[in-house]
Amino acid sequence: MITIFTTPSCSSCRKAKKWLDDHKIPYNEKNLFNQPITEEDIDHMLENAENGFEDIISTRSKIFKEQSLDVEDMRISELKTFIINNPSVLKRPIMIEGEKLQVGYNDEEIRVFIPKRLRELIMCTDCPNGEYCDYQSALKRYFDEIKSDLANTH
C-alpha cells in the first residue's frame, strides 16, 4: 500500500490525495506533524531516492537558513535525527510504495502508482480483437470491476 507523507497546509499533498481518491487507490496517510516520522521511514525513502537526502529535504526551509546548516557537513545519523526533530524540512508530499517513490505532486509521474489491473486495461492487454481503450473507458471498466468485486464479497 502507498504511504503518503503530508502536512495539513500543503496544497500539493491535497492534490496527490485527491488523485489517489479519484482513482480509488488506497493509501496510508502519515501527517508529519501528528505522527512522528521514524528512522525506518527515512531509510525507506532513501532506499528509493536517486540522489539521497537531496531528493527528500528542502535546504531552502526556514530552519536550515536560521541554523546556517550545510547538509554536506552533517553525518547521515545527524541528518536523520535532524529530520525526525524537524519534519517540516521534508519536501511534500512524499509518496512511497515498494520501490516507487515520488516527491512532490506531478500529474504524469503520479501514474506510477496506478494499480497493475488498471494499467492492463489502459494498455488493452485483454481487449478483444485488439480494440483500443481510451483512458476514461479503461478507468470506468476498472471501477466497475472494483464495484463488482465488492458486491461479490459482501
N, C-alpha and C. Protein backbone atom coordinates (compact mmCIF):
# COMPACT_ATOMS: atom_id res chain seq x y z
N MET A 1 0.84 -1.18 0.00
CA MET A 1 0.00 0.00 0.00
C MET A 1 0.88 1.24 0.00
N ILE A 2 0.40 2.27 -0.64
CA ILE A 2 1.12 3.54 -0.71
C ILE A 2 1.08 4.22 0.65
N THR A 3 2.22 4.77 1.06
CA THR A 3 2.26 5.64 2.22
C THR A 3 2.54 7.04 1.68
N ILE A 4 1.73 7.99 2.12
CA ILE A 4 1.92 9.36 1.68
C ILE A 4 2.17 10.23 2.91
N PHE A 5 3.31 10.92 2.90
CA PHE A 5 3.70 11.79 4.00
C PHE A 5 3.23 13.20 3.64
N THR A 6 2.41 13.78 4.53
CA THR A 6 1.77 15.06 4.23
C THR A 6 1.87 16.02 5.41
N THR A 7 1.44 17.25 5.15
CA THR A 7 1.16 18.23 6.20
C THR A 7 -0.17 18.88 5.84
N PRO A 8 -0.90 19.38 6.83
CA PRO A 8 -2.24 19.90 6.58
C PRO A 8 -2.31 21.08 5.60
N SER A 9 -1.33 21.95 5.61
CA SER A 9 -1.41 23.16 4.78
C SER A 9 -0.82 22.98 3.38
N CYS A 10 -0.43 21.78 3.03
CA CYS A 10 0.27 21.52 1.76
C CYS A 10 -0.72 21.29 0.62
N SER A 11 -0.76 22.22 -0.34
CA SER A 11 -1.70 22.08 -1.45
C SER A 11 -1.32 20.93 -2.38
N SER A 12 -0.04 20.67 -2.56
CA SER A 12 0.39 19.53 -3.38
C SER A 12 -0.03 18.21 -2.73
N CYS A 13 -0.03 18.18 -1.40
CA CYS A 13 -0.48 16.97 -0.69
C CYS A 13 -1.96 16.74 -0.96
N ARG A 14 -2.74 17.82 -0.92
CA ARG A 14 -4.18 17.69 -1.19
C ARG A 14 -4.43 17.22 -2.62
N LYS A 15 -3.64 17.72 -3.58
CA LYS A 15 -3.78 17.28 -4.97
C LYS A 15 -3.46 15.79 -5.11
N ALA A 16 -2.40 15.36 -4.47
CA ALA A 16 -1.99 13.95 -4.55
C ALA A 16 -3.06 13.04 -3.94
N LYS A 17 -3.57 13.42 -2.77
CA LYS A 17 -4.61 12.61 -2.12
C LYS A 17 -5.88 12.59 -2.97
N LYS A 18 -6.23 13.72 -3.57
CA LYS A 18 -7.42 13.76 -4.43
C LYS A 18 -7.23 12.83 -5.63
N TRP A 19 -6.04 12.85 -6.23
CA TRP A 19 -5.78 11.99 -7.38
C TRP A 19 -5.92 10.52 -6.97
N LEU A 20 -5.33 10.16 -5.84
CA LEU A 20 -5.42 8.79 -5.36
C LEU A 20 -6.88 8.41 -5.06
N ASP A 21 -7.60 9.32 -4.42
CA ASP A 21 -9.02 9.07 -4.13
C ASP A 21 -9.83 8.93 -5.42
N ASP A 22 -9.58 9.82 -6.38
CA ASP A 22 -10.31 9.77 -7.66
C ASP A 22 -10.07 8.45 -8.39
N HIS A 23 -8.89 7.89 -8.21
CA HIS A 23 -8.55 6.63 -8.87
C HIS A 23 -8.77 5.42 -7.97
N LYS A 24 -9.42 5.70 -6.82
CA LYS A 24 -9.75 4.64 -5.85
C LYS A 24 -8.54 3.77 -5.49
N ILE A 25 -7.43 4.46 -5.29
CA ILE A 25 -6.19 3.79 -4.92
C ILE A 25 -6.00 3.98 -3.41
N PRO A 26 -6.00 2.89 -2.65
CA PRO A 26 -5.87 3.02 -1.19
C PRO A 26 -4.47 3.51 -0.80
N TYR A 27 -4.42 4.26 0.28
CA TYR A 27 -3.14 4.76 0.77
C TYR A 27 -3.23 4.94 2.28
N ASN A 28 -2.06 5.00 2.88
CA ASN A 28 -1.94 5.27 4.30
C ASN A 28 -1.31 6.65 4.42
N GLU A 29 -2.04 7.59 4.99
CA GLU A 29 -1.52 8.95 5.14
C GLU A 29 -0.80 9.08 6.47
N LYS A 30 0.36 9.70 6.41
CA LYS A 30 1.12 9.97 7.62
C LYS A 30 1.35 11.48 7.69
N ASN A 31 0.58 12.14 8.55
CA ASN A 31 0.70 13.57 8.76
C ASN A 31 1.97 13.81 9.57
N LEU A 32 2.92 14.50 8.98
CA LEU A 32 4.24 14.69 9.60
C LEU A 32 4.18 15.46 10.91
N PHE A 33 3.10 16.23 11.13
CA PHE A 33 3.01 17.00 12.37
C PHE A 33 2.27 16.24 13.47
N ASN A 34 1.48 15.23 13.09
CA ASN A 34 0.72 14.46 14.09
C ASN A 34 1.32 13.09 14.36
N GLN A 35 1.97 12.51 13.36
CA GLN A 35 2.57 11.19 13.51
C GLN A 35 4.07 11.33 13.27
N PRO A 36 4.86 11.17 14.31
CA PRO A 36 6.30 11.36 14.14
C PRO A 36 6.89 10.44 13.08
N ILE A 37 7.76 11.00 12.28
CA ILE A 37 8.46 10.21 11.27
C ILE A 37 9.53 9.38 11.99
N THR A 38 9.78 8.21 11.49
CA THR A 38 10.76 7.33 12.13
C THR A 38 12.02 7.22 11.27
N GLU A 39 13.06 6.70 11.88
CA GLU A 39 14.29 6.46 11.13
C GLU A 39 14.03 5.45 10.02
N GLU A 40 13.15 4.47 10.30
CA GLU A 40 12.79 3.47 9.28
C GLU A 40 12.11 4.14 8.08
N ASP A 41 11.23 5.12 8.36
CA ASP A 41 10.58 5.86 7.27
C ASP A 41 11.64 6.54 6.40
N ILE A 42 12.58 7.20 7.05
CA ILE A 42 13.63 7.92 6.33
C ILE A 42 14.48 6.93 5.52
N ASP A 43 14.84 5.81 6.14
CA ASP A 43 15.63 4.79 5.43
C ASP A 43 14.89 4.29 4.18
N HIS A 44 13.59 4.06 4.33
CA HIS A 44 12.79 3.58 3.20
C HIS A 44 12.79 4.61 2.06
N MET A 45 12.68 5.88 2.42
CA MET A 45 12.73 6.94 1.41
C MET A 45 14.09 6.94 0.71
N LEU A 46 15.13 6.87 1.51
CA LEU A 46 16.49 6.95 0.96
C LEU A 46 16.82 5.75 0.07
N GLU A 47 16.27 4.58 0.40
CA GLU A 47 16.50 3.40 -0.43
C GLU A 47 16.01 3.62 -1.86
N ASN A 48 14.99 4.46 -2.00
CA ASN A 48 14.36 4.67 -3.30
C ASN A 48 14.68 6.03 -3.94
N ALA A 49 15.44 6.85 -3.25
CA ALA A 49 15.78 8.18 -3.75
C ALA A 49 17.06 8.10 -4.59
N GLU A 50 16.98 8.61 -5.81
CA GLU A 50 18.15 8.58 -6.69
C GLU A 50 19.31 9.40 -6.16
N ASN A 51 19.00 10.53 -5.53
CA ASN A 51 20.04 11.46 -5.08
C ASN A 51 20.11 11.58 -3.57
N GLY A 52 19.67 10.56 -2.87
CA GLY A 52 19.76 10.57 -1.41
C GLY A 52 18.95 11.68 -0.76
N PHE A 53 19.53 12.28 0.28
CA PHE A 53 18.84 13.31 1.05
C PHE A 53 18.41 14.49 0.18
N GLU A 54 19.17 14.76 -0.85
CA GLU A 54 18.86 15.88 -1.74
C GLU A 54 17.44 15.77 -2.32
N ASP A 55 16.98 14.53 -2.54
CA ASP A 55 15.65 14.32 -3.11
C ASP A 55 14.52 14.57 -2.12
N ILE A 56 14.79 14.39 -0.83
CA ILE A 56 13.68 14.42 0.13
C ILE A 56 13.65 15.63 1.05
N ILE A 57 14.76 16.37 1.17
CA ILE A 57 14.73 17.53 2.07
C ILE A 57 14.87 18.83 1.30
N SER A 58 14.28 19.87 1.87
CA SER A 58 14.37 21.19 1.29
C SER A 58 15.36 22.01 2.11
N THR A 59 16.52 22.23 1.52
CA THR A 59 17.54 23.01 2.22
C THR A 59 17.18 24.50 2.22
N ARG A 60 16.12 24.86 1.49
CA ARG A 60 15.66 26.25 1.49
C ARG A 60 14.70 26.52 2.64
N SER A 61 14.38 25.49 3.43
CA SER A 61 13.42 25.67 4.51
C SER A 61 13.99 26.62 5.57
N LYS A 62 13.07 27.23 6.29
CA LYS A 62 13.39 28.25 7.27
C LYS A 62 14.43 27.78 8.29
N ILE A 63 14.26 26.57 8.80
CA ILE A 63 15.15 26.07 9.85
C ILE A 63 16.59 25.89 9.37
N PHE A 64 16.76 25.50 8.09
CA PHE A 64 18.11 25.38 7.54
C PHE A 64 18.77 26.74 7.49
N LYS A 65 18.01 27.75 7.08
CA LYS A 65 18.57 29.10 6.99
C LYS A 65 18.86 29.67 8.37
N GLU A 66 17.93 29.47 9.31
CA GLU A 66 18.11 30.00 10.67
C GLU A 66 19.34 29.42 11.36
N GLN A 67 19.59 28.14 11.13
CA GLN A 67 20.71 27.49 11.80
C GLN A 67 21.97 27.42 10.93
N SER A 68 21.91 28.01 9.75
CA SER A 68 23.03 28.02 8.81
C SER A 68 23.64 26.63 8.65
N LEU A 69 22.77 25.66 8.37
CA LEU A 69 23.21 24.27 8.25
C LEU A 69 23.64 23.96 6.83
N ASP A 70 24.61 23.08 6.72
CA ASP A 70 25.05 22.59 5.42
C ASP A 70 24.95 21.07 5.45
N VAL A 71 24.09 20.52 4.61
CA VAL A 71 23.87 19.07 4.58
C VAL A 71 25.18 18.33 4.37
N GLU A 72 26.05 18.89 3.57
CA GLU A 72 27.32 18.23 3.25
C GLU A 72 28.20 18.06 4.49
N ASP A 73 28.01 18.91 5.50
CA ASP A 73 28.83 18.85 6.71
C ASP A 73 28.24 17.92 7.78
N MET A 74 27.05 17.38 7.51
CA MET A 74 26.37 16.57 8.52
C MET A 74 26.56 15.08 8.24
N ARG A 75 26.72 14.32 9.31
CA ARG A 75 26.75 12.86 9.19
C ARG A 75 25.34 12.37 8.88
N ILE A 76 25.24 11.19 8.31
CA ILE A 76 23.93 10.62 7.99
C ILE A 76 23.07 10.51 9.25
N SER A 77 23.64 10.02 10.33
CA SER A 77 22.88 9.87 11.58
C SER A 77 22.41 11.23 12.11
N GLU A 78 23.24 12.26 11.95
CA GLU A 78 22.86 13.61 12.39
C GLU A 78 21.71 14.14 11.53
N LEU A 79 21.79 13.88 10.25
CA LEU A 79 20.76 14.35 9.33
C LEU A 79 19.43 13.65 9.60
N LYS A 80 19.47 12.36 9.86
CA LYS A 80 18.24 11.62 10.19
C LYS A 80 17.62 12.17 11.47
N THR A 81 18.45 12.38 12.50
CA THR A 81 17.94 12.93 13.77
C THR A 81 17.37 14.32 13.54
N PHE A 82 18.03 15.11 12.71
CA PHE A 82 17.54 16.46 12.42
C PHE A 82 16.17 16.40 11.75
N ILE A 83 15.99 15.49 10.80
CA ILE A 83 14.70 15.34 10.11
C ILE A 83 13.62 14.89 11.09
N ILE A 84 13.94 13.93 11.94
CA ILE A 84 12.97 13.44 12.93
C ILE A 84 12.53 14.58 13.85
N ASN A 85 13.46 15.43 14.24
CA ASN A 85 13.15 16.56 15.13
C ASN A 85 12.55 17.76 14.40
N ASN A 86 12.73 17.81 13.07
CA ASN A 86 12.25 18.94 12.27
C ASN A 86 11.61 18.43 10.98
N PRO A 87 10.48 17.72 11.07
CA PRO A 87 9.90 17.10 9.88
C PRO A 87 9.50 18.08 8.79
N SER A 88 9.38 19.35 9.13
CA SER A 88 8.98 20.34 8.12
C SER A 88 10.07 20.54 7.06
N VAL A 89 11.28 20.01 7.27
CA VAL A 89 12.33 20.14 6.27
C VAL A 89 12.11 19.18 5.09
N LEU A 90 11.23 18.20 5.27
CA LEU A 90 10.96 17.27 4.18
C LEU A 90 10.13 17.93 3.10
N LYS A 91 10.46 17.62 1.85
CA LYS A 91 9.63 18.06 0.74
C LYS A 91 8.32 17.29 0.84
N ARG A 92 7.25 17.85 0.30
CA ARG A 92 5.95 17.21 0.43
C ARG A 92 5.13 17.34 -0.84
N PRO A 93 4.26 16.38 -1.07
CA PRO A 93 4.15 15.11 -0.36
C PRO A 93 5.29 14.18 -0.77
N ILE A 94 5.53 13.19 0.05
CA ILE A 94 6.42 12.08 -0.31
C ILE A 94 5.53 10.85 -0.35
N MET A 95 5.47 10.21 -1.52
CA MET A 95 4.66 9.01 -1.70
C MET A 95 5.60 7.86 -1.97
N ILE A 96 5.34 6.76 -1.27
CA ILE A 96 6.23 5.61 -1.42
C ILE A 96 5.41 4.32 -1.37
N GLU A 97 5.76 3.43 -2.27
CA GLU A 97 5.15 2.10 -2.30
C GLU A 97 6.20 1.16 -2.88
N GLY A 98 6.63 0.21 -2.05
CA GLY A 98 7.66 -0.71 -2.52
C GLY A 98 8.89 0.07 -2.93
N GLU A 99 9.26 -0.05 -4.21
CA GLU A 99 10.43 0.65 -4.72
C GLU A 99 10.07 1.94 -5.44
N LYS A 100 8.79 2.30 -5.44
CA LYS A 100 8.35 3.52 -6.12
C LYS A 100 8.35 4.68 -5.13
N LEU A 101 8.94 5.79 -5.56
CA LEU A 101 9.00 6.99 -4.73
C LEU A 101 8.67 8.19 -5.60
N GLN A 102 7.79 9.05 -5.11
CA GLN A 102 7.55 10.32 -5.77
C GLN A 102 7.58 11.41 -4.72
N VAL A 103 8.31 12.46 -5.02
CA VAL A 103 8.41 13.60 -4.13
C VAL A 103 7.74 14.77 -4.84
N GLY A 104 6.79 15.39 -4.15
CA GLY A 104 6.01 16.46 -4.76
C GLY A 104 4.88 15.86 -5.59
N TYR A 105 4.08 16.73 -6.18
CA TYR A 105 2.97 16.26 -6.99
C TYR A 105 3.26 16.56 -8.45
N ASN A 106 3.11 15.57 -9.29
CA ASN A 106 3.30 15.73 -10.72
C ASN A 106 2.25 14.87 -11.41
N ASP A 107 1.42 15.50 -12.27
CA ASP A 107 0.31 14.80 -12.95
C ASP A 107 0.75 13.55 -13.68
N GLU A 108 1.91 13.59 -14.30
CA GLU A 108 2.37 12.44 -15.08
C GLU A 108 3.05 11.39 -14.20
N GLU A 109 3.94 11.84 -13.34
CA GLU A 109 4.73 10.90 -12.54
C GLU A 109 3.89 10.12 -11.53
N ILE A 110 2.77 10.70 -11.07
CA ILE A 110 1.95 10.01 -10.08
C ILE A 110 1.32 8.75 -10.67
N ARG A 111 1.28 8.67 -11.98
CA ARG A 111 0.69 7.49 -12.63
C ARG A 111 1.48 6.22 -12.37
N VAL A 112 2.68 6.34 -11.84
CA VAL A 112 3.46 5.16 -11.47
C VAL A 112 2.73 4.34 -10.41
N PHE A 113 1.79 4.98 -9.70
CA PHE A 113 1.05 4.31 -8.64
C PHE A 113 -0.25 3.68 -9.13
N ILE A 114 -0.51 3.76 -10.43
CA ILE A 114 -1.72 3.14 -10.97
C ILE A 114 -1.60 1.63 -10.78
N PRO A 115 -2.65 1.00 -10.22
CA PRO A 115 -2.60 -0.45 -9.99
C PRO A 115 -2.39 -1.23 -11.28
N LYS A 116 -1.79 -2.41 -11.14
CA LYS A 116 -1.47 -3.25 -12.29
C LYS A 116 -2.69 -3.52 -13.15
N ARG A 117 -3.83 -3.83 -12.54
CA ARG A 117 -5.03 -4.16 -13.32
C ARG A 117 -5.48 -2.97 -14.16
N LEU A 118 -5.44 -1.78 -13.62
CA LEU A 118 -5.82 -0.60 -14.39
C LEU A 118 -4.83 -0.37 -15.53
N ARG A 119 -3.54 -0.58 -15.28
CA ARG A 119 -2.55 -0.44 -16.36
C ARG A 119 -2.85 -1.42 -17.48
N GLU A 120 -3.24 -2.66 -17.11
CA GLU A 120 -3.59 -3.65 -18.13
C GLU A 120 -4.77 -3.18 -18.97
N LEU A 121 -5.77 -2.60 -18.32
CA LEU A 121 -6.94 -2.11 -19.06
C LEU A 121 -6.56 -0.94 -19.97
N ILE A 122 -5.73 -0.05 -19.47
CA ILE A 122 -5.30 1.10 -20.28
C ILE A 122 -4.51 0.64 -21.50
N MET A 123 -3.66 -0.38 -21.29
CA MET A 123 -2.83 -0.89 -22.39
C MET A 123 -3.59 -1.90 -23.26
N CYS A 124 -4.84 -2.19 -22.90
CA CYS A 124 -5.70 -3.12 -23.66
C CYS A 124 -5.07 -4.50 -23.79
N THR A 125 -4.45 -4.98 -22.72
CA THR A 125 -3.81 -6.30 -22.81
C THR A 125 -4.83 -7.42 -22.93
N ASP A 126 -6.07 -7.15 -22.53
CA ASP A 126 -7.08 -8.20 -22.67
C ASP A 126 -8.30 -7.75 -23.48
N CYS A 127 -8.11 -6.71 -24.29
CA CYS A 127 -9.21 -6.24 -25.14
C CYS A 127 -9.40 -7.22 -26.32
N PRO A 128 -10.63 -7.55 -26.64
CA PRO A 128 -10.87 -8.46 -27.77
C PRO A 128 -10.49 -7.82 -29.10
N ASN A 129 -9.93 -8.59 -29.97
CA ASN A 129 -9.60 -8.16 -31.34
C ASN A 129 -8.77 -6.89 -31.39
N GLY A 130 -7.90 -6.69 -30.41
CA GLY A 130 -7.01 -5.54 -30.44
C GLY A 130 -7.73 -4.20 -30.35
N GLU A 131 -8.91 -4.17 -29.73
CA GLU A 131 -9.64 -2.91 -29.57
C GLU A 131 -8.77 -1.90 -28.82
N TYR A 132 -9.04 -0.64 -29.06
CA TYR A 132 -8.33 0.42 -28.35
C TYR A 132 -9.24 0.94 -27.24
N CYS A 133 -8.72 1.04 -26.04
CA CYS A 133 -9.48 1.61 -24.92
C CYS A 133 -8.87 2.96 -24.58
N ASP A 134 -9.70 4.00 -24.58
CA ASP A 134 -9.18 5.28 -24.13
C ASP A 134 -9.10 5.24 -22.60
N TYR A 135 -8.41 6.18 -22.03
CA TYR A 135 -8.15 6.18 -20.59
C TYR A 135 -9.45 6.19 -19.79
N GLN A 136 -10.40 7.04 -20.18
CA GLN A 136 -11.66 7.15 -19.44
C GLN A 136 -12.44 5.84 -19.48
N SER A 137 -12.45 5.17 -20.62
CA SER A 137 -13.15 3.87 -20.73
C SER A 137 -12.47 2.83 -19.85
N ALA A 138 -11.15 2.82 -19.86
CA ALA A 138 -10.40 1.87 -19.04
C ALA A 138 -10.68 2.14 -17.55
N LEU A 139 -10.71 3.41 -17.19
CA LEU A 139 -10.98 3.80 -15.81
C LEU A 139 -12.38 3.35 -15.39
N LYS A 140 -13.36 3.57 -16.25
CA LYS A 140 -14.75 3.15 -15.96
C LYS A 140 -14.81 1.64 -15.78
N ARG A 141 -14.17 0.92 -16.68
CA ARG A 141 -14.17 -0.55 -16.58
C ARG A 141 -13.50 -1.01 -15.29
N TYR A 142 -12.43 -0.36 -14.93
CA TYR A 142 -11.71 -0.69 -13.69
C TYR A 142 -12.60 -0.47 -12.48
N PHE A 143 -13.27 0.70 -12.41
CA PHE A 143 -14.15 1.00 -11.29
C PHE A 143 -15.34 0.04 -11.26
N ASP A 144 -15.86 -0.34 -12.42
CA ASP A 144 -16.96 -1.32 -12.48
C ASP A 144 -16.50 -2.66 -11.90
N GLU A 145 -15.26 -3.05 -12.22
CA GLU A 145 -14.73 -4.31 -11.68
C GLU A 145 -14.60 -4.24 -10.16
N ILE A 146 -14.14 -3.09 -9.66
CA ILE A 146 -14.00 -2.91 -8.21
C ILE A 146 -15.37 -3.03 -7.54
N LYS A 147 -16.37 -2.34 -8.11
CA LYS A 147 -17.73 -2.39 -7.55
C LYS A 147 -18.26 -3.82 -7.57
N SER A 148 -18.03 -4.52 -8.66
CA SER A 148 -18.50 -5.90 -8.79
C SER A 148 -17.82 -6.80 -7.75
N ASP A 149 -16.52 -6.61 -7.59
CA ASP A 149 -15.77 -7.40 -6.61
C ASP A 149 -16.28 -7.13 -5.19
N LEU A 150 -16.56 -5.86 -4.89
CA LEU A 150 -17.08 -5.50 -3.57
C LEU A 150 -18.46 -6.12 -3.35
N ALA A 151 -19.30 -6.06 -4.37
CA ALA A 151 -20.64 -6.62 -4.27
C ALA A 151 -20.58 -8.14 -4.03
N ASN A 152 -19.62 -8.79 -4.66
CA ASN A 152 -19.49 -10.25 -4.52
C ASN A 152 -18.91 -10.67 -3.17
N THR A 153 -18.19 -9.76 -2.51
CA THR A 153 -17.58 -10.12 -1.23
C THR A 153 -18.49 -9.78 -0.05
N HIS A 154 -19.55 -9.04 -0.28
CA HIS A 154 -20.46 -8.68 0.83
C HIS A 154 -21.73 -9.47 0.80
